[in-house]
PDB file of N, CA and C in Angstrom:
ATOM      1  N   MET A   1       0.839  -1.176   0.000  1.00  0.00           N
ATOM      2  CA  MET A   1       0.000   0.000   0.000  1.00  0.00           C
ATOM      3  C   MET A   1       0.887   1.243   0.000  1.00  0.00           C
ATOM      4  N   CYS A   2       0.427   2.264  -0.654  1.00  0.00           N
ATOM      5  CA  CYS A   2       1.281   3.446  -0.782  1.00  0.00           C
ATOM      6  C   CYS A   2       0.666   4.680  -0.146  1.00  0.00           C
ATOM      7  N   GLU A   3      -0.402   4.549   0.623  1.00  0.00           N
ATOM      8  CA  GLU A   3      -1.065   5.719   1.189  1.00  0.00           C
ATOM      9  C   GLU A   3      -0.144   6.540   2.095  1.00  0.00           C
ATOM     10  N   HIS A   4       0.846   5.896   2.676  1.00  0.00           N
ATOM     11  CA  HIS A   4       1.721   6.590   3.621  1.00  0.00           C
ATOM     12  C   HIS A   4       2.955   7.176   2.952  1.00  0.00           C
ATOM     13  N   SER A   5       3.062   7.021   1.658  1.00  0.00           N
ATOM     14  CA  SER A   5       4.193   7.557   0.916  1.00  0.00           C
ATOM     15  C   SER A   5       3.999   9.046   0.682  1.00  0.00           C
ATOM     16  N   PRO A   6       5.064   9.845   0.710  1.00  0.00           N
ATOM     17  CA  PRO A   6       4.943  11.285   0.465  1.00  0.00           C
ATOM     18  C   PRO A   6       4.361  11.607  -0.912  1.00  0.00           C
ATOM     19  N   GLU A   7       4.564  10.736  -1.896  1.00  0.00           N
ATOM     20  CA  GLU A   7       4.035  10.975  -3.230  1.00  0.00           C
ATOM     21  C   GLU A   7       2.525  10.787  -3.282  1.00  0.00           C
ATOM     22  N   CYS A   8       1.939  10.231  -2.234  1.00  0.00           N
ATOM     23  CA  CYS A   8       0.506   9.927  -2.232  1.00  0.00           C
ATOM     24  C   CYS A   8      -0.253  10.799  -1.248  1.00  0.00           C
ATOM     25  N   SER A   9       0.133  12.023  -1.130  1.00  0.00           N
ATOM     26  CA  SER A   9      -0.500  12.891  -0.146  1.00  0.00           C
ATOM     27  C   SER A   9      -1.760  13.558  -0.673  1.00  0.00           C
ATOM     28  N   ASN A  10      -2.181  13.251  -1.905  1.00  0.00           N
ATOM     29  CA  ASN A  10      -3.364  13.912  -2.457  1.00  0.00           C
ATOM     30  C   ASN A  10      -4.670  13.361  -1.914  1.00  0.00           C
ATOM     31  N   GLY A  11      -4.646  12.241  -1.222  1.00  0.00           N
ATOM     32  CA  GLY A  11      -5.834  11.701  -0.580  1.00  0.00           C
ATOM     33  C   GLY A  11      -6.731  10.869  -1.480  1.00  0.00           C
ATOM     34  N   ALA A  12      -6.460  10.797  -2.767  1.00  0.00           N
ATOM     35  CA  ALA A  12      -7.298  10.009  -3.672  1.00  0.00           C
ATOM     36  C   ALA A  12      -6.808   8.563  -3.673  1.00  0.00           C
ATOM     37  N   THR A  13      -7.644   7.664  -3.198  1.00  0.00           N
ATOM     38  CA  THR A  13      -7.302   6.249  -3.165  1.00  0.00           C
ATOM     39  C   THR A  13      -8.081   5.536  -4.256  1.00  0.00           C
ATOM     40  N   CYS A  14      -7.411   4.631  -4.947  1.00  0.00           N
ATOM     41  CA  CYS A  14      -8.042   3.855  -6.009  1.00  0.00           C
ATOM     42  C   CYS A  14      -7.949   2.377  -5.681  1.00  0.00           C
ATOM     43  N   GLN A  15      -8.980   1.652  -6.061  1.00  0.00           N
ATOM     44  CA  GLN A  15      -8.993   0.199  -5.882  1.00  0.00           C
ATOM     45  C   GLN A  15      -8.721  -0.451  -7.225  1.00  0.00           C
ATOM     46  N   LEU A  16      -7.779  -1.369  -7.245  1.00  0.00           N
ATOM     47  CA  LEU A  16      -7.447  -2.126  -8.437  1.00  0.00           C
ATOM     48  C   LEU A  16      -7.783  -3.586  -8.177  1.00  0.00           C
ATOM     49  N   VAL A  17      -8.609  -4.175  -9.024  1.00  0.00           N
ATOM     50  CA  VAL A  17      -8.939  -5.594  -8.924  1.00  0.00           C
ATOM     51  C   VAL A  17      -8.117  -6.306  -9.984  1.00  0.00           C
ATOM     52  N   ILE A  18      -7.363  -7.321  -9.542  1.00  0.00           N
ATOM     53  CA  ILE A  18      -6.529  -8.079 -10.471  1.00  0.00           C
ATOM     54  C   ILE A  18      -6.904  -9.557 -10.412  1.00  0.00           C
ATOM     55  N   GLU A  19      -6.677 -10.239 -11.516  1.00  0.00           N
ATOM     56  CA  GLU A  19      -6.997 -11.659 -11.614  1.00  0.00           C
ATOM     57  C   GLU A  19      -5.731 -12.447 -11.891  1.00  0.00           C
ATOM     58  N   ASN A  20      -5.567 -13.539 -11.158  1.00  0.00           N
ATOM     59  CA  ASN A  20      -4.454 -14.444 -11.390  1.00  0.00           C
ATOM     60  C   ASN A  20      -4.796 -15.279 -12.617  1.00  0.00           C
ATOM     61  N   GLY A  21      -3.936 -15.222 -13.624  1.00  0.00           N
ATOM     62  CA  GLY A  21      -4.190 -15.928 -14.873  1.00  0.00           C
ATOM     63  C   GLY A  21      -4.214 -17.437 -14.740  1.00  0.00           C
ATOM     64  N   GLN A  22      -3.553 -17.988 -13.738  1.00  0.00           N
ATOM     65  CA  GLN A  22      -3.499 -19.438 -13.565  1.00  0.00           C
ATOM     66  C   GLN A  22      -4.653 -19.972 -12.729  1.00  0.00           C
ATOM     67  N   THR A  23      -4.991 -19.270 -11.653  1.00  0.00           N
ATOM     68  CA  THR A  23      -6.031 -19.771 -10.748  1.00  0.00           C
ATOM     69  C   THR A  23      -7.388 -19.126 -10.977  1.00  0.00           C
ATOM     70  N   GLY A  24      -7.415 -17.961 -11.600  1.00  0.00           N
ATOM     71  CA  GLY A  24      -8.670 -17.245 -11.811  1.00  0.00           C
ATOM     72  C   GLY A  24      -9.140 -16.472 -10.595  1.00  0.00           C
ATOM     73  N   LEU A  25      -8.369 -16.511  -9.504  1.00  0.00           N
ATOM     74  CA  LEU A  25      -8.749 -15.790  -8.290  1.00  0.00           C
ATOM     75  C   LEU A  25      -8.517 -14.291  -8.462  1.00  0.00           C
ATOM     76  N   GLU A  26      -9.449 -13.493  -7.936  1.00  0.00           N
ATOM     77  CA  GLU A  26      -9.329 -12.044  -7.992  1.00  0.00           C
ATOM     78  C   GLU A  26      -8.973 -11.501  -6.622  1.00  0.00           C
ATOM     79  N   THR A  27      -8.137 -10.469  -6.601  1.00  0.00           N
ATOM     80  CA  THR A  27      -7.772  -9.784  -5.367  1.00  0.00           C
ATOM     81  C   THR A  27      -7.850  -8.291  -5.606  1.00  0.00           C
ATOM     82  N   ALA A  28      -8.025  -7.544  -4.529  1.00  0.00           N
ATOM     83  CA  ALA A  28      -8.088  -6.085  -4.606  1.00  0.00           C
ATOM     84  C   ALA A  28      -6.836  -5.499  -3.972  1.00  0.00           C
ATOM     85  N   GLU A  29      -6.288  -4.487  -4.615  1.00  0.00           N
ATOM     86  CA  GLU A  29      -5.150  -3.739  -4.104  1.00  0.00           C
ATOM     87  C   GLU A  29      -5.530  -2.267  -4.117  1.00  0.00           C
ATOM     88  N   TYR A  30      -4.899  -1.475  -3.252  1.00  0.00           N
ATOM     89  CA  TYR A  30      -5.257  -0.066  -3.121  1.00  0.00           C
ATOM     90  C   TYR A  30      -4.026   0.795  -3.330  1.00  0.00           C
ATOM     91  N   TYR A  31      -4.178   1.818  -4.177  1.00  0.00           N
ATOM     92  CA  TYR A  31      -3.071   2.702  -4.536  1.00  0.00           C
ATOM     93  C   TYR A  31      -3.583   4.123  -4.704  1.00  0.00           C
ATOM     94  N   CYS A  32      -2.647   5.068  -4.669  1.00  0.00           N
ATOM     95  CA  CYS A  32      -2.972   6.417  -5.107  1.00  0.00           C
ATOM     96  C   CYS A  32      -2.995   6.380  -6.635  1.00  0.00           C
ATOM     97  N   LYS A  33      -3.485   7.444  -7.273  1.00  0.00           N
ATOM     98  CA  LYS A  33      -3.612   7.448  -8.733  1.00  0.00           C
ATOM     99  C   LYS A  33      -2.275   7.207  -9.429  1.00  0.00           C
ATOM    100  N   ALA A  34      -1.230   7.858  -8.962  1.00  0.00           N
ATOM    101  CA  ALA A  34       0.079   7.732  -9.617  1.00  0.00           C
ATOM    102  C   ALA A  34       0.608   6.305  -9.551  1.00  0.00           C
ATOM    103  N   HIS A  35       0.501   5.670  -8.413  1.00  0.00           N
ATOM    104  CA  HIS A  35       1.001   4.312  -8.267  1.00  0.00           C
ATOM    105  C   HIS A  35       0.071   3.290  -8.927  1.00  0.00           C
ATOM    106  N   LEU A  36      -1.196   3.637  -9.079  1.00  0.00           N
ATOM    107  CA  LEU A  36      -2.137   2.760  -9.780  1.00  0.00           C
ATOM    108  C   LEU A  36      -1.698   2.576 -11.231  1.00  0.00           C
ATOM    109  N   VAL A  37      -1.354   3.666 -11.882  1.00  0.00           N
ATOM    110  CA  VAL A  37      -0.907   3.593 -13.276  1.00  0.00           C
ATOM    111  C   VAL A  37       0.354   2.744 -13.384  1.00  0.00           C
ATOM    112  N   LEU A  38       1.286   2.925 -12.480  1.00  0.00           N
ATOM    113  CA  LEU A  38       2.517   2.138 -12.473  1.00  0.00           C
ATOM    114  C   LEU A  38       2.222   0.657 -12.260  1.00  0.00           C
ATOM    115  N   ARG A  39       1.325   0.345 -11.337  1.00  0.00           N
ATOM    116  CA  ARG A  39       0.993  -1.058 -11.040  1.00  0.00           C
ATOM    117  C   ARG A  39       0.322  -1.727 -12.242  1.00  0.00           C
ATOM    118  N   ILE A  40      -0.571  -1.021 -12.932  1.00  0.00           N
ATOM    119  CA  ILE A  40      -1.215  -1.588 -14.119  1.00  0.00           C
ATOM    120  C   ILE A  40      -0.172  -1.876 -15.186  1.00  0.00           C
ATOM    121  N   TRP A  41       0.769  -0.972 -15.366  1.00  0.00           N
ATOM    122  CA  TRP A  41       1.853  -1.185 -16.333  1.00  0.00           C
ATOM    123  C   TRP A  41       2.663  -2.423 -15.961  1.00  0.00           C
ATOM    124  N   GLU A  42       2.975  -2.579 -14.673  1.00  0.00           N
ATOM    125  CA  GLU A  42       3.720  -3.759 -14.216  1.00  0.00           C
ATOM    126  C   GLU A  42       2.956  -5.052 -14.504  1.00  0.00           C
ATOM    127  N   LEU A  43       1.649  -5.036 -14.270  1.00  0.00           N
ATOM    128  CA  LEU A  43       0.834  -6.227 -14.519  1.00  0.00           C
ATOM    129  C   LEU A  43       0.821  -6.587 -16.001  1.00  0.00           C
ATOM    130  N   GLU A  44       0.724  -5.584 -16.857  1.00  0.00           N
ATOM    131  CA  GLU A  44       0.709  -5.841 -18.296  1.00  0.00           C
ATOM    132  C   GLU A  44       2.044  -6.400 -18.769  1.00  0.00           C
ATOM    133  N   GLU A  45       3.132  -5.963 -18.169  1.00  0.00           N
ATOM    134  CA  GLU A  45       4.459  -6.465 -18.529  1.00  0.00           C
ATOM    135  C   GLU A  45       4.683  -7.887 -18.034  1.00  0.00           C
ATOM    136  N   ASP A  46       4.136  -8.213 -16.858  1.00  0.00           N
ATOM    137  CA  ASP A  46       4.329  -9.521 -16.231  1.00  0.00           C
ATOM    138  C   ASP A  46       3.571 -10.619 -16.976  1.00  0.00           C
ATOM    139  N   GLY A  47       2.306 -10.413 -17.228  1.00  0.00           N
ATOM    140  CA  GLY A  47       1.507 -11.384 -17.954  1.00  0.00           C
ATOM    141  C   GLY A  47       0.852 -12.455 -17.099  1.00  0.00           C
ATOM    142  N   ALA A  48       1.338 -12.718 -15.896  1.00  0.00           N
ATOM    143  CA  ALA A  48       0.749 -13.745 -15.033  1.00  0.00           C
ATOM    144  C   ALA A  48      -0.543 -13.254 -14.383  1.00  0.00           C
ATOM    145  N   MET A  49      -0.636 -11.964 -14.155  1.00  0.00           N
ATOM    146  CA  MET A  49      -1.818 -11.349 -13.552  1.00  0.00           C
ATOM    147  C   MET A  49      -2.365 -10.347 -14.559  1.00  0.00           C
ATOM    148  N   ARG A  50      -3.684 -10.093 -14.471  1.00  0.00           N
ATOM    149  CA  ARG A  50      -4.240  -9.091 -15.373  1.00  0.00           C
ATOM    150  C   ARG A  50      -5.176  -8.168 -14.608  1.00  0.00           C
ATOM    151  N   PRO A  51      -5.160  -6.878 -14.938  1.00  0.00           N
ATOM    152  CA  PRO A  51      -6.086  -5.951 -14.291  1.00  0.00           C
ATOM    153  C   PRO A  51      -7.512  -6.224 -14.766  1.00  0.00           C
ATOM    154  N   VAL A  52      -8.455  -6.257 -13.825  1.00  0.00           N
ATOM    155  CA  VAL A  52      -9.847  -6.493 -14.149  1.00  0.00           C
ATOM    156  C   VAL A  52     -10.609  -5.176 -14.143  1.00  0.00           C
ATOM    157  N   SER A  53     -10.415  -4.381 -13.083  1.00  0.00           N
ATOM    158  CA  SER A  53     -11.078  -3.084 -12.982  1.00  0.00           C
ATOM    159  C   SER A  53     -10.290  -2.184 -12.051  1.00  0.00           C
ATOM    160  N   ALA A  54     -10.520  -0.892 -12.216  1.00  0.00           N
ATOM    161  CA  ALA A  54      -9.912   0.108 -11.344  1.00  0.00           C
ATOM    162  C   ALA A  54     -10.927   1.238 -11.157  1.00  0.00           C
ATOM    163  N   GLU A  55     -11.055   1.691  -9.916  1.00  0.00           N
ATOM    164  CA  GLU A  55     -11.967   2.793  -9.653  1.00  0.00           C
ATOM    165  C   GLU A  55     -11.474   3.617  -8.481  1.00  0.00           C
ATOM    166  N   GLN A  56     -11.806   4.907  -8.520  1.00  0.00           N
ATOM    167  CA  GLN A  56     -11.425   5.792  -7.428  1.00  0.00           C
ATOM    168  C   GLN A  56     -12.427   5.633  -6.305  1.00  0.00           C
ATOM    169  N   LEU A  57     -11.942   5.558  -5.080  1.00  0.00           N
ATOM    170  CA  LEU A  57     -12.818   5.401  -3.909  1.00  0.00           C
ATOM    171  C   LEU A  57     -13.120   6.747  -3.293  1.00  0.00           C
TER     172      LEU A  57
END
């Protein structure tokens, strides 16, 4: 989680739902907007997990 990072002081928290490509299980992760974009990019590069949805809370 990055809410306590100085770069995430804007207060906007986003929920990212990701799916494990092998098991099909979904999990939720929480990031600020800036780190959300980075995490989605990482998931697309990895290929084992895929982003399902993202929304601002």
